[in-house]
Amino acid sequence: MIEVESKYKAELGRLRKKYEQQLTEYETQLDTLTRSNSELGRANKALAARVKVYATLKLLITFK
């Protein structure tokens, strides 16, 4: 009985370590993706502003 319990505890320890490592990897990926998303949002905002300026300039040129 002690042998089965020892094997069970050892397997639980291995699984816990495996899942903790996976969780750490997922947290790192989440941080990276969050940063990338933020950067892309800023870039998108800047591009939208440029498009608005170009559209305004095009209207001004069209009315001349």
PDB file of N, CA and C in Angstrom:
ATOM      1  N   MET A   1       0.826  -1.196   0.000  1.00  0.00           N
ATOM      2  CA  MET A   1       0.000   0.000   0.000  1.00  0.00           C
ATOM      3  C   MET A   1       0.872   1.263   0.000  1.00  0.00           C
ATOM      4  N   ILE A   2       1.953   1.245   0.757  1.00  0.00           N
ATOM      5  CA  ILE A   2       2.847   2.397   0.831  1.00  0.00           C
ATOM      6  C   ILE A   2       3.496   2.641  -0.528  1.00  0.00           C
ATOM      7  N   GLU A   3       3.797   1.558  -1.241  1.00  0.00           N
ATOM      8  CA  GLU A   3       4.420   1.683  -2.554  1.00  0.00           C
ATOM      9  C   GLU A   3       3.477   2.388  -3.534  1.00  0.00           C
ATOM     10  N   VAL A   4       2.213   2.040  -3.514  1.00  0.00           N
ATOM     11  CA  VAL A   4       1.215   2.667  -4.390  1.00  0.00           C
ATOM     12  C   VAL A   4       1.068   4.145  -4.033  1.00  0.00           C
ATOM     13  N   GLU A   5       1.047   4.422  -2.740  1.00  0.00           N
ATOM     14  CA  GLU A   5       0.915   5.803  -2.284  1.00  0.00           C
ATOM     15  C   GLU A   5       2.128   6.637  -2.714  1.00  0.00           C
ATOM     16  N   SER A   6       3.300   6.058  -2.627  1.00  0.00           N
ATOM     17  CA  SER A   6       4.524   6.755  -3.037  1.00  0.00           C
ATOM     18  C   SER A   6       4.517   7.046  -4.534  1.00  0.00           C
ATOM     19  N   LYS A   7       4.103   6.052  -5.322  1.00  0.00           N
ATOM     20  CA  LYS A   7       4.019   6.251  -6.774  1.00  0.00           C
ATOM     21  C   LYS A   7       2.997   7.339  -7.101  1.00  0.00           C
ATOM     22  N   TYR A   8       1.876   7.315  -6.402  1.00  0.00           N
ATOM     23  CA  TYR A   8       0.810   8.303  -6.611  1.00  0.00           C
ATOM     24  C   TYR A   8       1.322   9.710  -6.300  1.00  0.00           C
ATOM     25  N   LYS A   9       2.019   9.851  -5.177  1.00  0.00           N
ATOM     26  CA  LYS A   9       2.553  11.157  -4.794  1.00  0.00           C
ATOM     27  C   LYS A   9       3.615  11.631  -5.786  1.00  0.00           C
ATOM     28  N   ALA A  10       4.456  10.704  -6.246  1.00  0.00           N
ATOM     29  CA  ALA A  10       5.493  11.061  -7.216  1.00  0.00           C
ATOM     30  C   ALA A  10       4.858  11.525  -8.532  1.00  0.00           C
ATOM     31  N   GLU A  11       3.829  10.819  -8.976  1.00  0.00           N
ATOM     32  CA  GLU A  11       3.147  11.191 -10.212  1.00  0.00           C
ATOM     33  C   GLU A  11       2.459  12.541 -10.058  1.00  0.00           C
ATOM     34  N   LEU A  12       1.846  12.784  -8.918  1.00  0.00           N
ATOM     35  CA  LEU A  12       1.217  14.075  -8.655  1.00  0.00           C
ATOM     36  C   LEU A  12       2.256  15.199  -8.681  1.00  0.00           C
ATOM     37  N   GLY A  13       3.410  14.936  -8.118  1.00  0.00           N
ATOM     38  CA  GLY A  13       4.488  15.932  -8.129  1.00  0.00           C
ATOM     39  C   GLY A  13       4.944  16.253  -9.544  1.00  0.00           C
ATOM     40  N   ARG A  14       5.094  15.217 -10.369  1.00  0.00           N
ATOM     41  CA  ARG A  14       5.498  15.432 -11.765  1.00  0.00           C
ATOM     42  C   ARG A  14       4.436  16.223 -12.521  1.00  0.00           C
ATOM     43  N   LEU A  15       3.180  15.851 -12.330  1.00  0.00           N
ATOM     44  CA  LEU A  15       2.100  16.559 -13.018  1.00  0.00           C
ATOM     45  C   LEU A  15       2.006  18.010 -12.569  1.00  0.00           C
ATOM     46  N   ARG A  16       2.172  18.225 -11.269  1.00  0.00           N
ATOM     47  CA  ARG A  16       2.105  19.594 -10.755  1.00  0.00           C
ATOM     48  C   ARG A  16       3.204  20.452 -11.369  1.00  0.00           C
ATOM     49  N   LYS A  17       4.414  19.904 -11.421  1.00  0.00           N
ATOM     50  CA  LYS A  17       5.536  20.636 -12.001  1.00  0.00           C
ATOM     51  C   LYS A  17       5.270  20.934 -13.476  1.00  0.00           C
ATOM     52  N   LYS A  18       4.762  19.933 -14.201  1.00  0.00           N
ATOM     53  CA  LYS A  18       4.453  20.103 -15.623  1.00  0.00           C
ATOM     54  C   LYS A  18       3.432  21.211 -15.821  1.00  0.00           C
ATOM     55  N   TYR A  19       2.361  21.194 -15.045  1.00  0.00           N
ATOM     56  CA  TYR A  19       1.305  22.193 -15.209  1.00  0.00           C
ATOM     57  C   TYR A  19       1.739  23.575 -14.749  1.00  0.00           C
ATOM     58  N   GLU A  20       2.593  23.647 -13.745  1.00  0.00           N
ATOM     59  CA  GLU A  20       3.124  24.942 -13.327  1.00  0.00           C
ATOM     60  C   GLU A  20       4.001  25.541 -14.422  1.00  0.00           C
ATOM     61  N   GLN A  21       4.788  24.701 -15.091  1.00  0.00           N
ATOM     62  CA  GLN A  21       5.621  25.177 -16.195  1.00  0.00           C
ATOM     63  C   GLN A  21       4.750  25.667 -17.348  1.00  0.00           C
ATOM     64  N   GLN A  22       3.690  24.902 -17.657  1.00  0.00           N
ATOM     65  CA  GLN A  22       2.783  25.320 -18.718  1.00  0.00           C
ATOM     66  C   GLN A  22       2.117  26.642 -18.366  1.00  0.00           C
ATOM     67  N   LEU A  23       1.708  26.779 -17.128  1.00  0.00           N
ATOM     68  CA  LEU A  23       1.060  28.012 -16.688  1.00  0.00           C
ATOM     69  C   LEU A  23       2.013  29.195 -16.827  1.00  0.00           C
ATOM     70  N   THR A  24       3.259  29.007 -16.459  1.00  0.00           N
ATOM     71  CA  THR A  24       4.258  30.063 -16.596  1.00  0.00           C
ATOM     72  C   THR A  24       4.438  30.443 -18.068  1.00  0.00           C
ATOM     73  N   GLU A  25       4.488  29.440 -18.946  1.00  0.00           N
ATOM     74  CA  GLU A  25       4.613  29.711 -20.381  1.00  0.00           C
ATOM     75  C   GLU A  25       3.402  30.481 -20.896  1.00  0.00           C
ATOM     76  N   TYR A  26       2.212  30.078 -20.460  1.00  0.00           N
ATOM     77  CA  TYR A  26       0.990  30.759 -20.902  1.00  0.00           C
ATOM     78  C   TYR A  26       0.949  32.198 -20.395  1.00  0.00           C
ATOM     79  N   GLU A  27       1.403  32.424 -19.181  1.00  0.00           N
ATOM     80  CA  GLU A  27       1.438  33.784 -18.640  1.00  0.00           C
ATOM     81  C   GLU A  27       2.401  34.656 -19.443  1.00  0.00           C
ATOM     82  N   THR A  28       3.548  34.092 -19.811  1.00  0.00           N
ATOM     83  CA  THR A  28       4.529  34.815 -20.620  1.00  0.00           C
ATOM     84  C   THR A  28       3.945  35.145 -21.992  1.00  0.00           C
ATOM     85  N   GLN A  29       3.283  34.164 -22.596  1.00  0.00           N
ATOM     86  CA  GLN A  29       2.662  34.395 -23.897  1.00  0.00           C
ATOM     87  C   GLN A  29       1.581  35.461 -23.801  1.00  0.00           C
ATOM     88  N   LEU A  30       0.801  35.418 -22.741  1.00  0.00           N
ATOM     89  CA  LEU A  30      -0.258  36.408 -22.551  1.00  0.00           C
ATOM     90  C   LEU A  30       0.335  37.805 -22.428  1.00  0.00           C
ATOM     91  N   ASP A  31       1.403  37.946 -21.651  1.00  0.00           N
ATOM     92  CA  ASP A  31       2.067  39.246 -21.508  1.00  0.00           C
ATOM     93  C   ASP A  31       2.565  39.758 -22.861  1.00  0.00           C
ATOM     94  N   THR A  32       3.190  38.871 -23.632  1.00  0.00           N
ATOM     95  CA  THR A  32       3.726  39.240 -24.937  1.00  0.00           C
ATOM     96  C   THR A  32       2.596  39.664 -25.880  1.00  0.00           C
ATOM     97  N   LEU A  33       1.529  38.889 -25.904  1.00  0.00           N
ATOM     98  CA  LEU A  33       0.402  39.211 -26.781  1.00  0.00           C
ATOM     99  C   LEU A  33      -0.298  40.492 -26.353  1.00  0.00           C
ATOM    100  N   THR A  34      -0.375  40.729 -25.058  1.00  0.00           N
ATOM    101  CA  THR A  34      -0.996  41.961 -24.567  1.00  0.00           C
ATOM    102  C   THR A  34      -0.185  43.174 -25.007  1.00  0.00           C
ATOM    103  N   ARG A  35       1.144  43.080 -24.880  1.00  0.00           N
ATOM    104  CA  ARG A  35       2.013  44.169 -25.329  1.00  0.00           C
ATOM    105  C   ARG A  35       1.888  44.396 -26.835  1.00  0.00           C
ATOM    106  N   SER A  36       1.888  43.305 -27.596  1.00  0.00           N
ATOM    107  CA  SER A  36       1.760  43.416 -29.049  1.00  0.00           C
ATOM    108  C   SER A  36       0.428  44.044 -29.431  1.00  0.00           C
ATOM    109  N   ASN A  37      -0.626  43.621 -28.757  1.00  0.00           N
ATOM    110  CA  ASN A  37      -1.952  44.172 -29.032  1.00  0.00           C
ATOM    111  C   ASN A  37      -1.991  45.670 -28.746  1.00  0.00           C
ATOM    112  N   SER A  38      -1.364  46.069 -27.665  1.00  0.00           N
ATOM    113  CA  SER A  38      -1.308  47.485 -27.309  1.00  0.00           C
ATOM    114  C   SER A  38      -0.555  48.284 -28.369  1.00  0.00           C
ATOM    115  N   GLU A  39       0.576  47.754 -28.803  1.00  0.00           N
ATOM    116  CA  GLU A  39       1.370  48.428 -29.828  1.00  0.00           C
ATOM    117  C   GLU A  39       0.593  48.528 -31.138  1.00  0.00           C
ATOM    118  N   LEU A  40      -0.092  47.465 -31.507  1.00  0.00           N
ATOM    119  CA  LEU A  40      -0.880  47.482 -32.734  1.00  0.00           C
ATOM    120  C   LEU A  40      -2.044  48.465 -32.629  1.00  0.00           C
ATOM    121  N   GLY A  41      -2.627  48.570 -31.449  1.00  0.00           N
ATOM    122  CA  GLY A  41      -3.712  49.532 -31.238  1.00  0.00           C
ATOM    123  C   GLY A  41      -3.220  50.959 -31.426  1.00  0.00           C
ATOM    124  N   ARG A  42      -2.034  51.254 -30.887  1.00  0.00           N
ATOM    125  CA  ARG A  42      -1.457  52.597 -31.065  1.00  0.00           C
ATOM    126  C   ARG A  42      -1.142  52.861 -32.534  1.00  0.00           C
ATOM    127  N   ALA A  43      -0.584  51.864 -33.201  1.00  0.00           N
ATOM    128  CA  ALA A  43      -0.263  52.026 -34.625  1.00  0.00           C
ATOM    129  C   ALA A  43      -1.541  52.236 -35.434  1.00  0.00           C
ATOM    130  N   ASN A  44      -2.580  51.496 -35.105  1.00  0.00           N
ATOM    131  CA  ASN A  44      -3.855  51.634 -35.802  1.00  0.00           C
ATOM    132  C   ASN A  44      -4.444  53.030 -35.609  1.00  0.00           C
ATOM    133  N   LYS A  45      -4.331  53.524 -34.397  1.00  0.00           N
ATOM    134  CA  LYS A  45      -4.840  54.874 -34.093  1.00  0.00           C
ATOM    135  C   LYS A  45      -4.073  55.922 -34.903  1.00  0.00           C
ATOM    136  N   ALA A  46      -2.767  55.777 -34.984  1.00  0.00           N
ATOM    137  CA  ALA A  46      -1.944  56.715 -35.745  1.00  0.00           C
ATOM    138  C   ALA A  46      -2.293  56.661 -37.234  1.00  0.00           C
ATOM    139  N   LEU A  47      -2.479  55.445 -37.738  1.00  0.00           N
ATOM    140  CA  LEU A  47      -2.828  55.311 -39.151  1.00  0.00           C
ATOM    141  C   LEU A  47      -4.216  55.884 -39.443  1.00  0.00           C
ATOM    142  N   ALA A  48      -5.139  55.690 -38.537  1.00  0.00           N
ATOM    143  CA  ALA A  48      -6.480  56.247 -38.712  1.00  0.00           C
ATOM    144  C   ALA A  48      -6.422  57.770 -38.753  1.00  0.00           C
ATOM    145  N   ALA A  49      -5.578  58.355 -37.933  1.00  0.00           N
ATOM    146  CA  ALA A  49      -5.420  59.807 -37.932  1.00  0.00           C
ATOM    147  C   ALA A  49      -4.835  60.278 -39.262  1.00  0.00           C
ATOM    148  N   ARG A  50      -3.856  59.547 -39.776  1.00  0.00           N
ATOM    149  CA  ARG A  50      -3.258  59.912 -41.068  1.00  0.00           C
ATOM    150  C   ARG A  50      -4.270  59.804 -42.200  1.00  0.00           C
ATOM    151  N   VAL A  51      -5.085  58.760 -42.176  1.00  0.00           N
ATOM    152  CA  VAL A  51      -6.114  58.591 -43.196  1.00  0.00           C
ATOM    153  C   VAL A  51      -7.089  59.760 -43.146  1.00  0.00           C
ATOM    154  N   LYS A  52      -7.443  60.167 -41.948  1.00  0.00           N
ATOM    155  CA  LYS A  52      -8.366  61.301 -41.788  1.00  0.00           C
ATOM    156  C   LYS A  52      -7.748  62.570 -42.378  1.00  0.00           C
ATOM    157  N   VAL A  53      -6.471  62.797 -42.121  1.00  0.00           N
ATOM    158  CA  VAL A  53      -5.785  63.975 -42.661  1.00  0.00           C
ATOM    159  C   VAL A  53      -5.765  63.902 -44.186  1.00  0.00           C
ATOM    160  N   TYR A  54      -5.414  62.745 -44.742  1.00  0.00           N
ATOM    161  CA  TYR A  54      -5.366  62.601 -46.195  1.00  0.00           C
ATOM    162  C   TYR A  54      -6.745  62.794 -46.822  1.00  0.00           C
ATOM    163  N   ALA A  55      -7.766  62.274 -46.167  1.00  0.00           N
ATOM    164  CA  ALA A  55      -9.125  62.441 -46.682  1.00  0.00           C
ATOM    165  C   ALA A  55      -9.513  63.921 -46.679  1.00  0.00           C
ATOM    166  N   THR A  56      -9.147  64.637 -45.633  1.00  0.00           N
ATOM    167  CA  THR A  56      -9.423  66.070 -45.549  1.00  0.00           C
ATOM    168  C   THR A  56      -8.672  66.828 -46.636  1.00  0.00           C
ATOM    169  N   LEU A  57      -7.409  66.489 -46.836  1.00  0.00           N
ATOM    170  CA  LEU A  57      -6.619  67.133 -47.887  1.00  0.00           C
ATOM    171  C   LEU A  57      -7.203  66.858 -49.267  1.00  0.00           C
ATOM    172  N   LYS A  58      -7.654  65.639 -49.482  1.00  0.00           N
ATOM    173  CA  LYS A  58      -8.242  65.283 -50.767  1.00  0.00           C
ATOM    174  C   LYS A  58      -9.507  66.118 -51.003  1.00  0.00           C
ATOM    175  N   LEU A  59     -10.316  66.297 -49.971  1.00  0.00           N
ATOM    176  CA  LEU A  59     -11.521  67.116 -50.104  1.00  0.00           C
ATOM    177  C   LEU A  59     -11.169  68.551 -50.427  1.00  0.00           C
ATOM    178  N   LEU A  60     -10.147  69.091 -49.756  1.00  0.00           N
ATOM    179  CA  LEU A  60      -9.723  70.452 -50.004  1.00  0.00           C
ATOM    180  C   LEU A  60      -9.222  70.639 -51.417  1.00  0.00           C
ATOM    181  N   ILE A  61      -8.473  69.679 -51.911  1.00  0.00           N
ATOM    182  CA  ILE A  61      -7.938  69.755 -53.270  1.00  0.00           C
ATOM    183  C   ILE A  61      -9.071  69.625 -54.283  1.00  0.00           C
ATOM    184  N   THR A  62     -10.043  68.788 -53.988  1.00  0.00           N
ATOM    185  CA  THR A  62     -11.172  68.574 -54.898  1.00  0.00           C
ATOM    186  C   THR A  62     -12.008  69.823 -55.066  1.00  0.00           C
ATOM    187  N   PHE A  63     -12.154  70.610 -54.021  1.00  0.00           N
ATOM    188  CA  PHE A  63     -12.989  71.810 -54.065  1.00  0.00           C
ATOM    189  C   PHE A  63     -12.279  73.028 -54.647  1.00  0.00           C
ATOM    190  N   LYS A  64     -11.025  72.933 -54.980  1.00  0.00           N
ATOM    191  CA  LYS A  64     -10.299  74.078 -55.551  1.00  0.00           C
ATOM    192  C   LYS A  64     -10.603  74.266 -56.996  1.00  0.00           C
TER     193      LYS A  64
END
